[in-house]
Amino acid sequence: MPEIQNIRHVSSYATPSVWQVSTDRGDTEFTLKGEEDIRRLSASQLLIADSNGVQFLIRDIQQLDKGSRKRLDRFL
C-alpha cells in the first residue's frame, strides 16, 4: 500500500478533486470521489481510497509538512 509523504496539490476543496501527492513509491495523481473515502484508522492514521479503489496510507498526520496538513484538514 503506498504511503503518502506529501500532498503537493489538490485541485478543489469540493469533491470530486484531483490530488497530486508524493508517496514512498514515487509521485502520483489520483481522484478523490468523496470525503467518505477518507477513513480515520486511529488518531494519527488515515486511509484514503481513490476513484479506482487504490488505497493510500497516511501513517502519521503530524509527520506531514505544514502545507500538506493544511490541504488535508479541509477534508477532515
PDB file of N, CA and C in Angstrom:
ATOM      1  N   MET A   1       0.851  -1.168   0.000  1.00  0.00           N
ATOM      2  CA  MET A   1       0.000   0.000   0.000  1.00  0.00           C
ATOM      3  C   MET A   1       0.906   1.242   0.000  1.00  0.00           C
ATOM      4  N   PRO A   2       0.726   2.143  -0.963  1.00  0.00           N
ATOM      5  CA  PRO A   2       1.549   3.357  -0.990  1.00  0.00           C
ATOM      6  C   PRO A   2       1.279   4.240   0.222  1.00  0.00           C
ATOM      7  N   GLU A   3       2.343   4.831   0.747  1.00  0.00           N
ATOM      8  CA  GLU A   3       2.228   5.715   1.905  1.00  0.00           C
ATOM      9  C   GLU A   3       2.468   7.158   1.459  1.00  0.00           C
ATOM     10  N   ILE A   4       1.478   8.019   1.679  1.00  0.00           N
ATOM     11  CA  ILE A   4       1.591   9.421   1.285  1.00  0.00           C
ATOM     12  C   ILE A   4       2.561  10.132   2.218  1.00  0.00           C
ATOM     13  N   GLN A   5       3.538  10.815   1.609  1.00  0.00           N
ATOM     14  CA  GLN A   5       4.525  11.564   2.379  1.00  0.00           C
ATOM     15  C   GLN A   5       4.340  13.070   2.241  1.00  0.00           C
ATOM     16  N   ASN A   6       3.680  13.498   1.142  1.00  0.00           N
ATOM     17  CA  ASN A   6       3.488  14.917   0.885  1.00  0.00           C
ATOM     18  C   ASN A   6       2.285  15.098  -0.029  1.00  0.00           C
ATOM     19  N   ILE A   7       1.424  16.043   0.287  1.00  0.00           N
ATOM     20  CA  ILE A   7       0.294  16.390  -0.583  1.00  0.00           C
ATOM     21  C   ILE A   7       0.686  17.677  -1.292  1.00  0.00           C
ATOM     22  N   ARG A   8       1.082  17.561  -2.562  1.00  0.00           N
ATOM     23  CA  ARG A   8       1.615  18.707  -3.300  1.00  0.00           C
ATOM     24  C   ARG A   8       0.538  19.667  -3.776  1.00  0.00           C
ATOM     25  N   HIS A   9      -0.615  19.119  -4.210  1.00  0.00           N
ATOM     26  CA  HIS A   9      -1.659  19.975  -4.775  1.00  0.00           C
ATOM     27  C   HIS A   9      -3.000  19.246  -4.718  1.00  0.00           C
ATOM     28  N   VAL A  10      -4.060  19.999  -4.461  1.00  0.00           N
ATOM     29  CA  VAL A  10      -5.429  19.488  -4.518  1.00  0.00           C
ATOM     30  C   VAL A  10      -6.187  20.434  -5.441  1.00  0.00           C
ATOM     31  N   SER A  11      -6.851  19.883  -6.465  1.00  0.00           N
ATOM     32  CA  SER A  11      -7.486  20.711  -7.490  1.00  0.00           C
ATOM     33  C   SER A  11      -8.652  21.538  -6.958  1.00  0.00           C
ATOM     34  N   SER A  12      -9.355  21.005  -5.984  1.00  0.00           N
ATOM     35  CA  SER A  12     -10.532  21.683  -5.456  1.00  0.00           C
ATOM     36  C   SER A  12     -10.804  21.158  -4.058  1.00  0.00           C
ATOM     37  N   TYR A  13     -11.393  22.002  -3.225  1.00  0.00           N
ATOM     38  CA  TYR A  13     -11.738  21.542  -1.880  1.00  0.00           C
ATOM     39  C   TYR A  13     -13.160  21.002  -1.823  1.00  0.00           C
ATOM     40  N   ALA A  14     -13.781  20.898  -2.986  1.00  0.00           N
ATOM     41  CA  ALA A  14     -15.055  20.197  -3.118  1.00  0.00           C
ATOM     42  C   ALA A  14     -14.755  18.894  -3.857  1.00  0.00           C
ATOM     43  N   THR A  15     -15.509  17.868  -3.598  1.00  0.00           N
ATOM     44  CA  THR A  15     -15.271  16.592  -4.270  1.00  0.00           C
ATOM     45  C   THR A  15     -16.205  16.450  -5.458  1.00  0.00           C
ATOM     46  N   PRO A  16     -15.801  15.772  -6.508  1.00  0.00           N
ATOM     47  CA  PRO A  16     -14.514  15.095  -6.663  1.00  0.00           C
ATOM     48  C   PRO A  16     -13.367  16.088  -6.875  1.00  0.00           C
ATOM     49  N   SER A  17     -12.178  15.667  -6.440  1.00  0.00           N
ATOM     50  CA  SER A  17     -10.995  16.510  -6.592  1.00  0.00           C
ATOM     51  C   SER A  17      -9.810  15.638  -6.982  1.00  0.00           C
ATOM     52  N   VAL A  18      -8.867  16.247  -7.684  1.00  0.00           N
ATOM     53  CA  VAL A  18      -7.655  15.553  -8.113  1.00  0.00           C
ATOM     54  C   VAL A  18      -6.532  15.935  -7.157  1.00  0.00           C
ATOM     55  N   TRP A  19      -5.878  14.919  -6.599  1.00  0.00           N
ATOM     56  CA  TRP A  19      -4.790  15.119  -5.655  1.00  0.00           C
ATOM     57  C   TRP A  19      -3.470  14.751  -6.319  1.00  0.00           C
ATOM     58  N   GLN A  20      -2.470  15.589  -6.150  1.00  0.00           N
ATOM     59  CA  GLN A  20      -1.114  15.276  -6.584  1.00  0.00           C
ATOM     60  C   GLN A  20      -0.301  15.068  -5.311  1.00  0.00           C
ATOM     61  N   VAL A  21       0.246  13.861  -5.164  1.00  0.00           N
ATOM     62  CA  VAL A  21       0.935  13.503  -3.928  1.00  0.00           C
ATOM     63  C   VAL A  21       2.280  12.853  -4.224  1.00  0.00           C
ATOM     64  N   SER A  22       3.142  12.877  -3.205  1.00  0.00           N
ATOM     65  CA  SER A  22       4.387  12.120  -3.229  1.00  0.00           C
ATOM     66  C   SER A  22       4.203  10.965  -2.255  1.00  0.00           C
ATOM     67  N   THR A  23       4.553   9.763  -2.707  1.00  0.00           N
ATOM     68  CA  THR A  23       4.444   8.585  -1.848  1.00  0.00           C
ATOM     69  C   THR A  23       5.808   7.927  -1.719  1.00  0.00           C
ATOM     70  N   ASP A  24       5.871   6.897  -0.890  1.00  0.00           N
ATOM     71  CA  ASP A  24       7.112   6.139  -0.755  1.00  0.00           C
ATOM     72  C   ASP A  24       7.440   5.367  -2.033  1.00  0.00           C
ATOM     73  N   ARG A  25       6.515   5.341  -2.989  1.00  0.00           N
ATOM     74  CA  ARG A  25       6.721   4.655  -4.268  1.00  0.00           C
ATOM     75  C   ARG A  25       6.840   5.632  -5.435  1.00  0.00           C
ATOM     76  N   GLY A  26       6.904   6.921  -5.131  1.00  0.00           N
ATOM     77  CA  GLY A  26       7.042   7.938  -6.172  1.00  0.00           C
ATOM     78  C   GLY A  26       5.845   8.867  -6.223  1.00  0.00           C
ATOM     79  N   ASP A  27       5.903   9.827  -7.143  1.00  0.00           N
ATOM     80  CA  ASP A  27       4.827  10.804  -7.301  1.00  0.00           C
ATOM     81  C   ASP A  27       3.662  10.195  -8.064  1.00  0.00           C
ATOM     82  N   THR A  28       2.455  10.598  -7.697  1.00  0.00           N
ATOM     83  CA  THR A  28       1.266  10.094  -8.387  1.00  0.00           C
ATOM     84  C   THR A  28       0.131  11.108  -8.264  1.00  0.00           C
ATOM     85  N   GLU A  29      -0.900  10.838  -9.010  1.00  0.00           N
ATOM     86  CA  GLU A  29      -2.089  11.687  -9.019  1.00  0.00           C
ATOM     87  C   GLU A  29      -3.298  10.766  -8.938  1.00  0.00           C
ATOM     88  N   PHE A  30      -4.280  11.144  -8.141  1.00  0.00           N
ATOM     89  CA  PHE A  30      -5.495  10.338  -8.055  1.00  0.00           C
ATOM     90  C   PHE A  30      -6.700  11.227  -7.827  1.00  0.00           C
ATOM     91  N   THR A  31      -7.884  10.663  -8.089  1.00  0.00           N
ATOM     92  CA  THR A  31      -9.137  11.389  -7.895  1.00  0.00           C
ATOM     93  C   THR A  31      -9.831  10.885  -6.637  1.00  0.00           C
ATOM     94  N   LEU A  32     -10.163  11.825  -5.760  1.00  0.00           N
ATOM     95  CA  LEU A  32     -10.935  11.518  -4.558  1.00  0.00           C
ATOM     96  C   LEU A  32     -12.395  11.800  -4.889  1.00  0.00           C
ATOM     97  N   LYS A  33     -13.238  10.748  -4.853  1.00  0.00           N
ATOM     98  CA  LYS A  33     -14.651  10.908  -5.213  1.00  0.00           C
ATOM     99  C   LYS A  33     -15.450  11.657  -4.160  1.00  0.00           C
ATOM    100  N   GLY A  34     -15.191  11.350  -2.897  1.00  0.00           N
ATOM    101  CA  GLY A  34     -15.966  11.960  -1.821  1.00  0.00           C
ATOM    102  C   GLY A  34     -15.205  11.915  -0.512  1.00  0.00           C
ATOM    103  N   GLU A  35     -15.606  12.765   0.408  1.00  0.00           N
ATOM    104  CA  GLU A  35     -14.935  12.818   1.708  1.00  0.00           C
ATOM    105  C   GLU A  35     -15.064  11.506   2.478  1.00  0.00           C
ATOM    106  N   GLU A  36     -16.099  10.735   2.164  1.00  0.00           N
ATOM    107  CA  GLU A  36     -16.269   9.434   2.831  1.00  0.00           C
ATOM    108  C   GLU A  36     -15.183   8.437   2.444  1.00  0.00           C
ATOM    109  N   ASP A  37     -14.378   8.756   1.412  1.00  0.00           N
ATOM    110  CA  ASP A  37     -13.268   7.889   1.004  1.00  0.00           C
ATOM    111  C   ASP A  37     -12.016   8.119   1.829  1.00  0.00           C
ATOM    112  N   ILE A  38     -12.090   9.033   2.803  1.00  0.00           N
ATOM    113  CA  ILE A  38     -11.002   9.242   3.755  1.00  0.00           C
ATOM    114  C   ILE A  38     -11.448   8.646   5.081  1.00  0.00           C
ATOM    115  N   ARG A  39     -10.781   7.562   5.494  1.00  0.00           N
ATOM    116  CA  ARG A  39     -11.156   6.880   6.739  1.00  0.00           C
ATOM    117  C   ARG A  39     -10.071   7.063   7.790  1.00  0.00           C
ATOM    118  N   ARG A  40     -10.490   7.368   8.986  1.00  0.00           N
ATOM    119  CA  ARG A  40      -9.538   7.503  10.099  1.00  0.00           C
ATOM    120  C   ARG A  40      -9.335   6.127  10.723  1.00  0.00           C
ATOM    121  N   LEU A  41      -8.080   5.666  10.763  1.00  0.00           N
ATOM    122  CA  LEU A  41      -7.755   4.378  11.373  1.00  0.00           C
ATOM    123  C   LEU A  41      -7.434   4.537  12.852  1.00  0.00           C
ATOM    124  N   SER A  42      -6.821   5.659  13.187  1.00  0.00           N
ATOM    125  CA  SER A  42      -6.507   5.997  14.577  1.00  0.00           C
ATOM    126  C   SER A  42      -6.423   7.518  14.656  1.00  0.00           C
ATOM    127  N   ALA A  43      -5.992   8.029  15.782  1.00  0.00           N
ATOM    128  CA  ALA A  43      -5.901   9.480  15.942  1.00  0.00           C
ATOM    129  C   ALA A  43      -4.938  10.103  14.931  1.00  0.00           C
ATOM    130  N   SER A  44      -3.942   9.342  14.497  1.00  0.00           N
ATOM    131  CA  SER A  44      -2.925   9.905  13.609  1.00  0.00           C
ATOM    132  C   SER A  44      -2.844   9.229  12.234  1.00  0.00           C
ATOM    133  N   GLN A  45      -3.582   8.147  12.017  1.00  0.00           N
ATOM    134  CA  GLN A  45      -3.503   7.413  10.748  1.00  0.00           C
ATOM    135  C   GLN A  45      -4.772   7.555   9.927  1.00  0.00           C
ATOM    136  N   LEU A  46      -4.569   7.723   8.609  1.00  0.00           N
ATOM    137  CA  LEU A  46      -5.694   7.814   7.677  1.00  0.00           C
ATOM    138  C   LEU A  46      -5.501   6.832   6.534  1.00  0.00           C
ATOM    139  N   LEU A  47      -6.619   6.387   5.980  1.00  0.00           N
ATOM    140  CA  LEU A  47      -6.624   5.561   4.780  1.00  0.00           C
ATOM    141  C   LEU A  47      -7.465   6.299   3.747  1.00  0.00           C
ATOM    142  N   ILE A  48      -6.878   6.569   2.586  1.00  0.00           N
ATOM    143  CA  ILE A  48      -7.569   7.306   1.529  1.00  0.00           C
ATOM    144  C   ILE A  48      -7.727   6.378   0.328  1.00  0.00           C
ATOM    145  N   ALA A  49      -8.962   6.237  -0.147  1.00  0.00           N
ATOM    146  CA  ALA A  49      -9.232   5.389  -1.322  1.00  0.00           C
ATOM    147  C   ALA A  49      -9.505   6.294  -2.517  1.00  0.00           C
ATOM    148  N   ASP A  50      -8.831   6.009  -3.638  1.00  0.00           N
ATOM    149  CA  ASP A  50      -9.077   6.822  -4.829  1.00  0.00           C
ATOM    150  C   ASP A  50     -10.248   6.266  -5.625  1.00  0.00           C
ATOM    151  N   SER A  51     -10.566   6.906  -6.732  1.00  0.00           N
ATOM    152  CA  SER A  51     -11.736   6.520  -7.530  1.00  0.00           C
ATOM    153  C   SER A  51     -11.589   5.140  -8.163  1.00  0.00           C
ATOM    154  N   ASN A  52     -10.357   4.613  -8.228  1.00  0.00           N
ATOM    155  CA  ASN A  52     -10.121   3.281  -8.788  1.00  0.00           C
ATOM    156  C   ASN A  52     -10.020   2.201  -7.708  1.00  0.00           C
ATOM    157  N   GLY A  53     -10.193   2.589  -6.449  1.00  0.00           N
ATOM    158  CA  GLY A  53     -10.119   1.625  -5.357  1.00  0.00           C
ATOM    159  C   GLY A  53      -8.729   1.430  -4.780  1.00  0.00           C
ATOM    160  N   VAL A  54      -7.729   2.154  -5.293  1.00  0.00           N
ATOM    161  CA  VAL A  54      -6.374   2.067  -4.737  1.00  0.00           C
ATOM    162  C   VAL A  54      -6.368   2.798  -3.399  1.00  0.00           C
ATOM    163  N   GLN A  55      -5.777   2.182  -2.395  1.00  0.00           N
ATOM    164  CA  GLN A  55      -5.758   2.781  -1.061  1.00  0.00           C
ATOM    165  C   GLN A  55      -4.374   3.337  -0.755  1.00  0.00           C
ATOM    166  N   PHE A  56      -4.379   4.518  -0.159  1.00  0.00           N
ATOM    167  CA  PHE A  56      -3.152   5.200   0.239  1.00  0.00           C
ATOM    168  C   PHE A  56      -3.187   5.388   1.744  1.00  0.00           C
ATOM    169  N   LEU A  57      -2.047   5.192   2.389  1.00  0.00           N
ATOM    170  CA  LEU A  57      -1.944   5.317   3.845  1.00  0.00           C
ATOM    171  C   LEU A  57      -1.230   6.607   4.211  1.00  0.00           C
ATOM    172  N   ILE A  58      -1.745   7.300   5.198  1.00  0.00           N
ATOM    173  CA  ILE A  58      -1.000   8.369   5.863  1.00  0.00           C
ATOM    174  C   ILE A  58      -0.734   7.833   7.254  1.00  0.00           C
ATOM    175  N   ARG A  59       0.520   7.458   7.498  1.00  0.00           N
ATOM    176  CA  ARG A  59       0.880   6.783   8.749  1.00  0.00           C
ATOM    177  C   ARG A  59       0.754   7.717   9.958  1.00  0.00           C
ATOM    178  N   ASP A  60       1.183   8.969   9.806  1.00  0.00           N
ATOM    179  CA  ASP A  60       1.113   9.924  10.921  1.00  0.00           C
ATOM    180  C   ASP A  60       0.884  11.318  10.355  1.00  0.00           C
ATOM    181  N   ILE A  61      -0.300  11.860  10.587  1.00  0.00           N
ATOM    182  CA  ILE A  61      -0.654  13.176  10.070  1.00  0.00           C
ATOM    183  C   ILE A  61       0.360  14.225  10.518  1.00  0.00           C
ATOM    184  N   GLN A  62       0.851  14.119  11.756  1.00  0.00           N
ATOM    185  CA  GLN A  62       1.768  15.120  12.304  1.00  0.00           C
ATOM    186  C   GLN A  62       3.134  15.102  11.619  1.00  0.00           C
ATOM    187  N   GLN A  63       3.465  14.026  10.911  1.00  0.00           N
ATOM    188  CA  GLN A  63       4.744  13.944  10.199  1.00  0.00           C
ATOM    189  C   GLN A  63       4.693  14.628   8.841  1.00  0.00           C
ATOM    190  N   LEU A  64       3.480  14.969   8.370  1.00  0.00           N
ATOM    191  CA  LEU A  64       3.350  15.695   7.106  1.00  0.00           C
ATOM    192  C   LEU A  64       3.824  17.136   7.301  1.00  0.00           C
ATOM    193  N   ASP A  65       4.292  17.761   6.212  1.00  0.00           N
ATOM    194  CA  ASP A  65       4.687  19.166   6.297  1.00  0.00           C
ATOM    195  C   ASP A  65       3.441  20.034   6.496  1.00  0.00           C
ATOM    196  N   LYS A  66       3.662  21.286   6.872  1.00  0.00           N
ATOM    197  CA  LYS A  66       2.560  22.188   7.220  1.00  0.00           C
ATOM    198  C   LYS A  66       1.576  22.374   6.063  1.00  0.00           C
ATOM    199  N   GLY A  67       2.073  22.539   4.842  1.00  0.00           N
ATOM    200  CA  GLY A  67       1.209  22.709   3.679  1.00  0.00           C
ATOM    201  C   GLY A  67       0.339  21.497   3.415  1.00  0.00           C
ATOM    202  N   SER A  68       0.914  20.308   3.553  1.00  0.00           N
ATOM    203  CA  SER A  68       0.162  19.073   3.354  1.00  0.00           C
ATOM    204  C   SER A  68      -0.942  18.934   4.394  1.00  0.00           C
ATOM    205  N   ARG A  69      -0.625  19.233   5.649  1.00  0.00           N
ATOM    206  CA  ARG A  69      -1.634  19.148   6.717  1.00  0.00           C
ATOM    207  C   ARG A  69      -2.765  20.136   6.471  1.00  0.00           C
ATOM    208  N   LYS A  70      -2.421  21.341   6.009  1.00  0.00           N
ATOM    209  CA  LYS A  70      -3.437  22.353   5.741  1.00  0.00           C
ATOM    210  C   LYS A  70      -4.389  21.904   4.621  1.00  0.00           C
ATOM    211  N   ARG A  71      -3.840  21.313   3.552  1.00  0.00           N
ATOM    212  CA  ARG A  71      -4.692  20.805   2.462  1.00  0.00           C
ATOM    213  C   ARG A  71      -5.571  19.670   2.949  1.00  0.00           C
ATOM    214  N   LEU A  72      -5.022  18.781   3.745  1.00  0.00           N
ATOM    215  CA  LEU A  72      -5.764  17.628   4.251  1.00  0.00           C
ATOM    216  C   LEU A  72      -6.857  18.053   5.236  1.00  0.00           C
ATOM    217  N   ASP A  73      -6.567  19.025   6.077  1.00  0.00           N
ATOM    218  CA  ASP A  73      -7.521  19.468   7.101  1.00  0.00           C
ATOM    219  C   ASP A  73      -8.845  19.926   6.509  1.00  0.00           C
ATOM    220  N   ARG A  74      -8.832  20.418   5.293  1.00  0.00           N
ATOM    221  CA  ARG A  74     -10.078  20.887   4.661  1.00  0.00           C
ATOM    222  C   ARG A  74     -11.051  19.740   4.360  1.00  0.00           C
ATOM    223  N   PHE A  75     -10.532  18.511   4.372  1.00  0.00           N
ATOM    224  CA  PHE A  75     -11.365  17.342   4.088  1.00  0.00           C
ATOM    225  C   PHE A  75     -11.747  16.578   5.340  1.00  0.00           C
ATOM    226  N   LEU A  76     -11.155  16.920   6.469  1.00  0.00           N
ATOM    227  CA  LEU A  76     -11.409  16.172   7.716  1.00  0.00           C
ATOM    228  C   LEU A  76     -12.435  16.854   8.591  1.00  0.00           C
TER     229      LEU A  76
END
